[in-house]
Amino acid sequence: MLLQVTWLASWTENVQGQTKYIMLNAASKLKGEKDWMKYETARKLHKLIRNIRNNYREDWKSKEMKIRQRAVALYFIDKVCLRLSVCLDSLSL
């Protein structure tokens, strides 16, 4: 799995032991480029969404449980607008 992060530095606070991060400014060029890449990906997916929806609806009828589970997960990602979120505290970098 490729992990992309937008923080520049991290440290462990000495009072509560929490991890703190230095993040990119929202106006920075790098942050703007990453946002632009997300929008470009969304534009590409817009052309494919009808096919993706048809595929996961067909997969609901599959005899294989894993395929049906994936189809349901894709449905919820699509309809509830779920997105992958990585909790930085749970990663061991």
PDB file of N, CA and C in Angstrom:
ATOM      1  N   MET A   1       0.843  -1.175   0.000  1.00  0.00           N
ATOM      2  CA  MET A   1       0.000   0.000   0.000  1.00  0.00           C
ATOM      3  C   MET A   1       0.886   1.236   0.000  1.00  0.00           C
ATOM      4  N   LEU A   2       0.607   2.147  -0.910  1.00  0.00           N
ATOM      5  CA  LEU A   2       1.345   3.398  -0.984  1.00  0.00           C
ATOM      6  C   LEU A   2       0.691   4.395  -0.041  1.00  0.00           C
ATOM      7  N   LEU A   3       1.451   4.931   0.877  1.00  0.00           N
ATOM      8  CA  LEU A   3       0.923   5.878   1.851  1.00  0.00           C
ATOM      9  C   LEU A   3       1.462   7.257   1.537  1.00  0.00           C
ATOM     10  N   GLN A   4       0.562   8.213   1.366  1.00  0.00           N
ATOM     11  CA  GLN A   4       0.965   9.587   1.117  1.00  0.00           C
ATOM     12  C   GLN A   4       0.488  10.430   2.284  1.00  0.00           C
ATOM     13  N   VAL A   5       1.382  11.193   2.845  1.00  0.00           N
ATOM     14  CA  VAL A   5       1.033  12.054   3.969  1.00  0.00           C
ATOM     15  C   VAL A   5       1.372  13.491   3.612  1.00  0.00           C
ATOM     16  N   THR A   6       0.707  14.436   4.276  1.00  0.00           N
ATOM     17  CA  THR A   6       0.972  15.835   4.000  1.00  0.00           C
ATOM     18  C   THR A   6       1.619  16.536   5.181  1.00  0.00           C
ATOM     19  N   TRP A   7       2.059  15.784   6.173  1.00  0.00           N
ATOM     20  CA  TRP A   7       2.757  16.433   7.277  1.00  0.00           C
ATOM     21  C   TRP A   7       4.249  16.385   7.018  1.00  0.00           C
ATOM     22  N   LEU A   8       4.938  17.390   7.525  1.00  0.00           N
ATOM     23  CA  LEU A   8       6.365  17.518   7.257  1.00  0.00           C
ATOM     24  C   LEU A   8       7.231  16.958   8.374  1.00  0.00           C
ATOM     25  N   ALA A   9       6.740  17.071   9.600  1.00  0.00           N
ATOM     26  CA  ALA A   9       7.510  16.590  10.752  1.00  0.00           C
ATOM     27  C   ALA A   9       6.544  16.168  11.843  1.00  0.00           C
ATOM     28  N   SER A  10       7.010  15.275  12.712  1.00  0.00           N
ATOM     29  CA  SER A  10       6.197  14.858  13.856  1.00  0.00           C
ATOM     30  C   SER A  10       7.094  14.673  15.064  1.00  0.00           C
ATOM     31  N   TRP A  11       6.482  14.776  16.235  1.00  0.00           N
ATOM     32  CA  TRP A  11       7.196  14.547  17.485  1.00  0.00           C
ATOM     33  C   TRP A  11       6.200  14.101  18.537  1.00  0.00           C
ATOM     34  N   THR A  12       6.695  13.496  19.585  1.00  0.00           N
ATOM     35  CA  THR A  12       5.851  13.068  20.688  1.00  0.00           C
ATOM     36  C   THR A  12       5.919  14.114  21.788  1.00  0.00           C
ATOM     37  N   GLU A  13       4.756  14.622  22.144  1.00  0.00           N
ATOM     38  CA  GLU A  13       4.654  15.637  23.179  1.00  0.00           C
ATOM     39  C   GLU A  13       5.056  15.030  24.518  1.00  0.00           C
ATOM     40  N   ASN A  14       5.744  15.798  25.348  1.00  0.00           N
ATOM     41  CA  ASN A  14       6.242  15.240  26.599  1.00  0.00           C
ATOM     42  C   ASN A  14       5.233  15.288  27.737  1.00  0.00           C
ATOM     43  N   VAL A  15       4.138  16.041  27.619  1.00  0.00           N
ATOM     44  CA  VAL A  15       3.158  16.129  28.705  1.00  0.00           C
ATOM     45  C   VAL A  15       2.159  14.969  28.642  1.00  0.00           C
ATOM     46  N   GLN A  16       1.481  14.821  27.515  1.00  0.00           N
ATOM     47  CA  GLN A  16       0.465  13.773  27.388  1.00  0.00           C
ATOM     48  C   GLN A  16       0.919  12.618  26.505  1.00  0.00           C
ATOM     49  N   GLY A  17       2.074  12.716  25.924  1.00  0.00           N
ATOM     50  CA  GLY A  17       2.584  11.637  25.078  1.00  0.00           C
ATOM     51  C   GLY A  17       1.903  11.530  23.731  1.00  0.00           C
ATOM     52  N   GLN A  18       1.185  12.570  23.310  1.00  0.00           N
ATOM     53  CA  GLN A  18       0.501  12.559  22.021  1.00  0.00           C
ATOM     54  C   GLN A  18       1.469  12.921  20.901  1.00  0.00           C
ATOM     55  N   THR A  19       1.194  12.380  19.719  1.00  0.00           N
ATOM     56  CA  THR A  19       1.997  12.718  18.558  1.00  0.00           C
ATOM     57  C   THR A  19       1.479  14.014  17.959  1.00  0.00           C
ATOM     58  N   LYS A  20       2.365  14.948  17.698  1.00  0.00           N
ATOM     59  CA  LYS A  20       2.030  16.234  17.096  1.00  0.00           C
ATOM     60  C   LYS A  20       2.658  16.292  15.710  1.00  0.00           C
ATOM     61  N   TYR A  21       2.024  17.041  14.808  1.00  0.00           N
ATOM     62  CA  TYR A  21       2.468  17.106  13.424  1.00  0.00           C
ATOM     63  C   TYR A  21       2.601  18.551  12.959  1.00  0.00           C
ATOM     64  N   ILE A  22       3.551  18.805  12.082  1.00  0.00           N
ATOM     65  CA  ILE A  22       3.653  20.074  11.370  1.00  0.00           C
ATOM     66  C   ILE A  22       3.100  19.806   9.981  1.00  0.00           C
ATOM     67  N   MET A  23       2.031  20.510   9.636  1.00  0.00           N
ATOM     68  CA  MET A  23       1.325  20.281   8.380  1.00  0.00           C
ATOM     69  C   MET A  23       1.687  21.356   7.357  1.00  0.00           C
ATOM     70  N   LEU A  24       1.387  21.060   6.105  1.00  0.00           N
ATOM     71  CA  LEU A  24       1.555  22.031   5.040  1.00  0.00           C
ATOM     72  C   LEU A  24       0.482  23.106   5.150  1.00  0.00           C
ATOM     73  N   ASN A  25       0.827  24.319   4.814  1.00  0.00           N
ATOM     74  CA  ASN A  25      -0.141  25.397   4.745  1.00  0.00           C
ATOM     75  C   ASN A  25      -1.086  25.116   3.584  1.00  0.00           C
ATOM     76  N   ALA A  26      -2.370  25.411   3.754  1.00  0.00           N
ATOM     77  CA  ALA A  26      -3.354  25.142   2.698  1.00  0.00           C
ATOM     78  C   ALA A  26      -3.036  25.907   1.412  1.00  0.00           C
ATOM     79  N   ALA A  27      -2.314  27.017   1.516  1.00  0.00           N
ATOM     80  CA  ALA A  27      -1.986  27.824   0.343  1.00  0.00           C
ATOM     81  C   ALA A  27      -0.661  27.406  -0.297  1.00  0.00           C
ATOM     82  N   SER A  28       0.016  26.406   0.239  1.00  0.00           N
ATOM     83  CA  SER A  28       1.315  26.019  -0.306  1.00  0.00           C
ATOM     84  C   SER A  28       1.157  25.381  -1.684  1.00  0.00           C
ATOM     85  N   LYS A  29       2.183  25.491  -2.499  1.00  0.00           N
ATOM     86  CA  LYS A  29       2.155  24.943  -3.849  1.00  0.00           C
ATOM     87  C   LYS A  29       1.981  23.425  -3.828  1.00  0.00           C
ATOM     88  N   LEU A  30       2.686  22.741  -2.928  1.00  0.00           N
ATOM     89  CA  LEU A  30       2.597  21.286  -2.845  1.00  0.00           C
ATOM     90  C   LEU A  30       1.184  20.840  -2.485  1.00  0.00           C
ATOM     91  N   LYS A  31       0.567  21.511  -1.518  1.00  0.00           N
ATOM     92  CA  LYS A  31      -0.795  21.179  -1.118  1.00  0.00           C
ATOM     93  C   LYS A  31      -1.754  21.400  -2.285  1.00  0.00           C
ATOM     94  N   GLY A  32      -1.569  22.507  -3.004  1.00  0.00           N
ATOM     95  CA  GLY A  32      -2.414  22.799  -4.158  1.00  0.00           C
ATOM     96  C   GLY A  32      -2.280  21.755  -5.243  1.00  0.00           C
ATOM     97  N   GLU A  33      -1.065  21.261  -5.467  1.00  0.00           N
ATOM     98  CA  GLU A  33      -0.854  20.222  -6.474  1.00  0.00           C
ATOM     99  C   GLU A  33      -1.542  18.924  -6.076  1.00  0.00           C
ATOM    100  N   LYS A  34      -1.491  18.569  -4.801  1.00  0.00           N
ATOM    101  CA  LYS A  34      -2.155  17.340  -4.347  1.00  0.00           C
ATOM    102  C   LYS A  34      -3.669  17.458  -4.508  1.00  0.00           C
ATOM    103  N   ASP A  35      -4.224  18.635  -4.177  1.00  0.00           N
ATOM    104  CA  ASP A  35      -5.658  18.846  -4.359  1.00  0.00           C
ATOM    105  C   ASP A  35      -6.026  18.757  -5.838  1.00  0.00           C
ATOM    106  N   TRP A  36      -5.204  19.344  -6.708  1.00  0.00           N
ATOM    107  CA  TRP A  36      -5.460  19.311  -8.141  1.00  0.00           C
ATOM    108  C   TRP A  36      -5.470  17.866  -8.637  1.00  0.00           C
ATOM    109  N   MET A  37      -4.536  17.054  -8.145  1.00  0.00           N
ATOM    110  CA  MET A  37      -4.485  15.649  -8.542  1.00  0.00           C
ATOM    111  C   MET A  37      -5.754  14.908  -8.115  1.00  0.00           C
ATOM    112  N   LYS A  38      -6.281  15.226  -6.924  1.00  0.00           N
ATOM    113  CA  LYS A  38      -7.530  14.598  -6.469  1.00  0.00           C
ATOM    114  C   LYS A  38      -8.677  14.946  -7.408  1.00  0.00           C
ATOM    115  N   TYR A  39      -8.772  16.219  -7.810  1.00  0.00           N
ATOM    116  CA  TYR A  39      -9.851  16.635  -8.702  1.00  0.00           C
ATOM    117  C   TYR A  39      -9.707  15.987 -10.077  1.00  0.00           C
ATOM    118  N   GLU A  40      -8.503  15.833 -10.557  1.00  0.00           N
ATOM    119  CA  GLU A  40      -8.283  15.164 -11.836  1.00  0.00           C
ATOM    120  C   GLU A  40      -8.723  13.701 -11.762  1.00  0.00           C
ATOM    121  N   THR A  41      -8.426  13.045 -10.642  1.00  0.00           N
ATOM    122  CA  THR A  41      -8.864  11.656 -10.457  1.00  0.00           C
ATOM    123  C   THR A  41     -10.389  11.582 -10.445  1.00  0.00           C
ATOM    124  N   ALA A  42     -11.030  12.529  -9.780  1.00  0.00           N
ATOM    125  CA  ALA A  42     -12.500  12.562  -9.740  1.00  0.00           C
ATOM    126  C   ALA A  42     -13.081  12.749 -11.139  1.00  0.00           C
ATOM    127  N   ARG A  43     -12.449  13.593 -11.944  1.00  0.00           N
ATOM    128  CA  ARG A  43     -12.933  13.797 -13.321  1.00  0.00           C
ATOM    129  C   ARG A  43     -12.844  12.496 -14.129  1.00  0.00           C
ATOM    130  N   LYS A  44     -11.765  11.765 -13.934  1.00  0.00           N
ATOM    131  CA  LYS A  44     -11.606  10.495 -14.654  1.00  0.00           C
ATOM    132  C   LYS A  44     -12.643   9.474 -14.185  1.00  0.00           C
ATOM    133  N   LEU A  45     -12.868   9.413 -12.870  1.00  0.00           N
ATOM    134  CA  LEU A  45     -13.843   8.461 -12.337  1.00  0.00           C
ATOM    135  C   LEU A  45     -15.263   8.795 -12.783  1.00  0.00           C
ATOM    136  N   HIS A  46     -15.543  10.081 -12.982  1.00  0.00           N
ATOM    137  CA  HIS A  46     -16.881  10.482 -13.421  1.00  0.00           C
ATOM    138  C   HIS A  46     -17.257   9.796 -14.732  1.00  0.00           C
ATOM    139  N   LYS A  47     -16.279   9.592 -15.593  1.00  0.00           N
ATOM    140  CA  LYS A  47     -16.532   8.933 -16.876  1.00  0.00           C
ATOM    141  C   LYS A  47     -16.790   7.433 -16.710  1.00  0.00           C
ATOM    142  N   LEU A  48     -16.343   6.858 -15.590  1.00  0.00           N
ATOM    143  CA  LEU A  48     -16.443   5.411 -15.382  1.00  0.00           C
ATOM    144  C   LEU A  48     -17.526   5.000 -14.386  1.00  0.00           C
ATOM    145  N   ILE A  49     -18.147   5.965 -13.716  1.00  0.00           N
ATOM    146  CA  ILE A  49     -19.013   5.629 -12.574  1.00  0.00           C
ATOM    147  C   ILE A  49     -20.200   4.752 -12.965  1.00  0.00           C
ATOM    148  N   ARG A  50     -20.796   4.974 -14.121  1.00  0.00           N
ATOM    149  CA  ARG A  50     -21.947   4.154 -14.528  1.00  0.00           C
ATOM    150  C   ARG A  50     -21.533   2.688 -14.650  1.00  0.00           C
ATOM    151  N   ASN A  51     -20.367   2.435 -15.248  1.00  0.00           N
ATOM    152  CA  ASN A  51     -19.860   1.075 -15.398  1.00  0.00           C
ATOM    153  C   ASN A  51     -19.526   0.456 -14.034  1.00  0.00           C
ATOM    154  N   ILE A  52     -18.905   1.240 -13.154  1.00  0.00           N
ATOM    155  CA  ILE A  52     -18.569   0.747 -11.811  1.00  0.00           C
ATOM    156  C   ILE A  52     -19.833   0.350 -11.064  1.00  0.00           C
ATOM    157  N   ARG A  53     -20.867   1.201 -11.131  1.00  0.00           N
ATOM    158  CA  ARG A  53     -22.136   0.891 -10.446  1.00  0.00           C
ATOM    159  C   ARG A  53     -22.792  -0.357 -11.013  1.00  0.00           C
ATOM    160  N   ASN A  54     -22.798  -0.491 -12.314  1.00  0.00           N
ATOM    161  CA  ASN A  54     -23.373  -1.700 -12.920  1.00  0.00           C
ATOM    162  C   ASN A  54     -22.621  -2.945 -12.469  1.00  0.00           C
ATOM    163  N   ASN A  55     -21.289  -2.848 -12.383  1.00  0.00           N
ATOM    164  CA  ASN A  55     -20.479  -4.000 -11.972  1.00  0.00           C
ATOM    165  C   ASN A  55     -20.771  -4.404 -10.533  1.00  0.00           C
ATOM    166  N   TYR A  56     -20.824  -3.444  -9.604  1.00  0.00           N
ATOM    167  CA  TYR A  56     -21.056  -3.869  -8.224  1.00  0.00           C
ATOM    168  C   TYR A  56     -22.492  -4.339  -8.018  1.00  0.00           C
ATOM    169  N   ARG A  57     -23.424  -3.833  -8.794  1.00  0.00           N
ATOM    170  CA  ARG A  57     -24.802  -4.345  -8.690  1.00  0.00           C
ATOM    171  C   ARG A  57     -24.886  -5.786  -9.187  1.00  0.00           C
ATOM    172  N   GLU A  58     -24.171  -6.094 -10.239  1.00  0.00           N
ATOM    173  CA  GLU A  58     -24.115  -7.475 -10.732  1.00  0.00           C
ATOM    174  C   GLU A  58     -23.427  -8.384  -9.710  1.00  0.00           C
ATOM    175  N   ASP A  59     -22.404  -7.864  -9.050  1.00  0.00           N
ATOM    176  CA  ASP A  59     -21.666  -8.664  -8.067  1.00  0.00           C
ATOM    177  C   ASP A  59     -22.507  -8.999  -6.839  1.00  0.00           C
ATOM    178  N   TRP A  60     -23.597  -8.272  -6.594  1.00  0.00           N
ATOM    179  CA  TRP A  60     -24.494  -8.606  -5.478  1.00  0.00           C
ATOM    180  C   TRP A  60     -25.073 -10.014  -5.657  1.00  0.00           C
ATOM    181  N   LYS A  61     -25.163 -10.469  -6.897  1.00  0.00           N
ATOM    182  CA  LYS A  61     -25.773 -11.772  -7.206  1.00  0.00           C
ATOM    183  C   LYS A  61     -24.753 -12.901  -7.272  1.00  0.00           C
ATOM    184  N   SER A  62     -23.498 -12.597  -7.022  1.00  0.00           N
ATOM    185  CA  SER A  62     -22.432 -13.596  -7.132  1.00  0.00           C
ATOM    186  C   SER A  62     -22.632 -14.724  -6.124  1.00  0.00           C
ATOM    187  N   LYS A  63     -22.177 -15.914  -6.481  1.00  0.00           N
ATOM    188  CA  LYS A  63     -22.236 -17.053  -5.562  1.00  0.00           C
ATOM    189  C   LYS A  63     -21.107 -16.996  -4.546  1.00  0.00           C
ATOM    190  N   GLU A  64     -20.083 -16.220  -4.846  1.00  0.00           N
ATOM    191  CA  GLU A  64     -18.926 -16.130  -3.948  1.00  0.00           C
ATOM    192  C   GLU A  64     -19.129 -14.996  -2.934  1.00  0.00           C
ATOM    193  N   MET A  65     -19.001 -15.335  -1.660  1.00  0.00           N
ATOM    194  CA  MET A  65     -19.259 -14.383  -0.578  1.00  0.00           C
ATOM    195  C   MET A  65     -18.335 -13.167  -0.642  1.00  0.00           C
ATOM    196  N   LYS A  66     -17.058 -13.375  -0.934  1.00  0.00           N
ATOM    197  CA  LYS A  66     -16.108 -12.251  -0.966  1.00  0.00           C
ATOM    198  C   LYS A  66     -16.494 -11.224  -2.024  1.00  0.00           C
ATOM    199  N   ILE A  67     -16.972 -11.699  -3.143  1.00  0.00           N
ATOM    200  CA  ILE A  67     -17.375 -10.787  -4.222  1.00  0.00           C
ATOM    201  C   ILE A  67     -18.611 -10.001  -3.799  1.00  0.00           C
ATOM    202  N   ARG A  68     -19.577 -10.671  -3.158  1.00  0.00           N
ATOM    203  CA  ARG A  68     -20.772  -9.969  -2.675  1.00  0.00           C
ATOM    204  C   ARG A  68     -20.408  -8.949  -1.602  1.00  0.00           C
ATOM    205  N   GLN A  69     -19.492  -9.310  -0.705  1.00  0.00           N
ATOM    206  CA  GLN A  69     -19.071  -8.373   0.345  1.00  0.00           C
ATOM    207  C   GLN A  69     -18.380  -7.152  -0.255  1.00  0.00           C
ATOM    208  N   ARG A  70     -17.524  -7.384  -1.240  1.00  0.00           N
ATOM    209  CA  ARG A  70     -16.864  -6.256  -1.908  1.00  0.00           C
ATOM    210  C   ARG A  70     -17.899  -5.356  -2.575  1.00  0.00           C
ATOM    211  N   ALA A  71     -18.904  -5.958  -3.195  1.00  0.00           N
ATOM    212  CA  ALA A  71     -19.946  -5.183  -3.872  1.00  0.00           C
ATOM    213  C   ALA A  71     -20.725  -4.320  -2.883  1.00  0.00           C
ATOM    214  N   VAL A  72     -21.028  -4.867  -1.726  1.00  0.00           N
ATOM    215  CA  VAL A  72     -21.737  -4.092  -0.707  1.00  0.00           C
ATOM    216  C   VAL A  72     -20.853  -2.952  -0.190  1.00  0.00           C
ATOM    217  N   ALA A  73     -19.580  -3.238   0.007  1.00  0.00           N
ATOM    218  CA  ALA A  73     -18.652  -2.191   0.454  1.00  0.00           C
ATOM    219  C   ALA A  73     -18.576  -1.074  -0.589  1.00  0.00           C
ATOM    220  N   LEU A  74     -18.487  -1.430  -1.858  1.00  0.00           N
ATOM    221  CA  LEU A  74     -18.456  -0.415  -2.912  1.00  0.00           C
ATOM    222  C   LEU A  74     -19.747   0.398  -2.946  1.00  0.00           C
ATOM    223  N   TYR A  75     -20.881  -0.263  -2.710  1.00  0.00           N
ATOM    224  CA  TYR A  75     -22.158   0.439  -2.656  1.00  0.00           C
ATOM    225  C   TYR A  75     -22.137   1.514  -1.569  1.00  0.00           C
ATOM    226  N   PHE A  76     -21.679   1.138  -0.371  1.00  0.00           N
ATOM    227  CA  PHE A  76     -21.644   2.112   0.719  1.00  0.00           C
ATOM    228  C   PHE A  76     -20.638   3.226   0.462  1.00  0.00           C
ATOM    229  N   ILE A  77     -19.507   2.885  -0.111  1.00  0.00           N
ATOM    230  CA  ILE A  77     -18.529   3.921  -0.468  1.00  0.00           C
ATOM    231  C   ILE A  77     -19.157   4.898  -1.455  1.00  0.00           C
ATOM    232  N   ASP A  78     -19.896   4.375  -2.408  1.00  0.00           N
ATOM    233  CA  ASP A  78     -20.530   5.197  -3.432  1.00  0.00           C
ATOM    234  C   ASP A  78     -21.695   6.016  -2.874  1.00  0.00           C
ATOM    235  N   LYS A  79     -22.609   5.384  -2.188  1.00  0.00           N
ATOM    236  CA  LYS A  79     -23.848   6.051  -1.776  1.00  0.00           C
ATOM    237  C   LYS A  79     -23.722   6.885  -0.511  1.00  0.00           C
ATOM    238  N   VAL A  80     -22.879   6.485   0.401  1.00  0.00           N
ATOM    239  CA  VAL A  80     -22.732   7.219   1.659  1.00  0.00           C
ATOM    240  C   VAL A  80     -21.503   8.135   1.605  1.00  0.00           C
ATOM    241  N   CYS A  81     -20.823   8.100   0.473  1.00  0.00           N
ATOM    242  CA  CYS A  81     -19.626   8.928   0.261  1.00  0.00           C
ATOM    243  C   CYS A  81     -18.552   8.641   1.302  1.00  0.00           C
ATOM    244  N   LEU A  82     -18.385   7.366   1.621  1.00  0.00           N
ATOM    245  CA  LEU A  82     -17.310   6.981   2.528  1.00  0.00           C
ATOM    246  C   LEU A  82     -15.989   7.140   1.812  1.00  0.00           C
ATOM    247  N   ARG A  83     -14.950   7.389   2.568  1.00  0.00           N
ATOM    248  CA  ARG A  83     -13.619   7.481   1.968  1.00  0.00           C
ATOM    249  C   ARG A  83     -12.624   6.816   2.899  1.00  0.00           C
ATOM    250  N   LEU A  84     -11.529   6.385   2.322  1.00  0.00           N
ATOM    251  CA  LEU A  84     -10.469   5.782   3.101  1.00  0.00           C
ATOM    252  C   LEU A  84      -9.808   6.845   3.944  1.00  0.00           C
ATOM    253  N   SER A  85      -9.688   6.575   5.220  1.00  0.00           N
ATOM    254  CA  SER A  85      -9.035   7.514   6.114  1.00  0.00           C
ATOM    255  C   SER A  85      -8.037   6.738   6.944  1.00  0.00           C
ATOM    256  N   VAL A  86      -6.823   7.221   6.990  1.00  0.00           N
ATOM    257  CA  VAL A  86      -5.773   6.541   7.740  1.00  0.00           C
ATOM    258  C   VAL A  86      -5.527   7.323   9.017  1.00  0.00           C
ATOM    259  N   CYS A  87      -5.674   6.657  10.131  1.00  0.00           N
ATOM    260  CA  CYS A  87      -5.392   7.283  11.415  1.00  0.00           C
ATOM    261  C   CYS A  87      -3.887   7.216  11.638  1.00  0.00           C
ATOM    262  N   LEU A  88      -3.250   8.366  11.720  1.00  0.00           N
ATOM    263  CA  LEU A  88      -1.793   8.393  11.835  1.00  0.00           C
ATOM    264  C   LEU A  88      -1.312   7.769  13.134  1.00  0.00           C
ATOM    265  N   ASP A  89      -2.125   7.816  14.188  1.00  0.00           N
ATOM    266  CA  ASP A  89      -1.714   7.239  15.455  1.00  0.00           C
ATOM    267  C   ASP A  89      -1.578   5.720  15.373  1.00  0.00           C
ATOM    268  N   SER A  90      -2.336   5.092  14.471  1.00  0.00           N
ATOM    269  CA  SER A  90      -2.318   3.625  14.414  1.00  0.00           C
ATOM    270  C   SER A  90      -1.223   3.091  13.497  1.00  0.00           C
ATOM    271  N   LEU A  91      -0.543   3.981  12.775  1.00  0.00           N
ATOM    272  CA  LEU A  91       0.518   3.538  11.889  1.00  0.00           C
ATOM    273  C   LEU A  91       1.838   3.463  12.615  1.00  0.00           C
ATOM    274  N   SER A  92       2.613   2.461  12.272  1.00  0.00           N
ATOM    275  CA  SER A  92       3.977   2.396  12.811  1.00  0.00           C
ATOM    276  C   SER A  92       4.924   2.725  11.677  1.00  0.00           C
ATOM    277  N   LEU A  93       5.293   3.976  11.575  1.00  0.00           N
ATOM    278  CA  LEU A  93       6.150   4.430  10.477  1.00  0.00           C
ATOM    279  C   LEU A  93       7.592   4.295  10.843  1.00  0.00           C
TER     280      LEU A  93
END
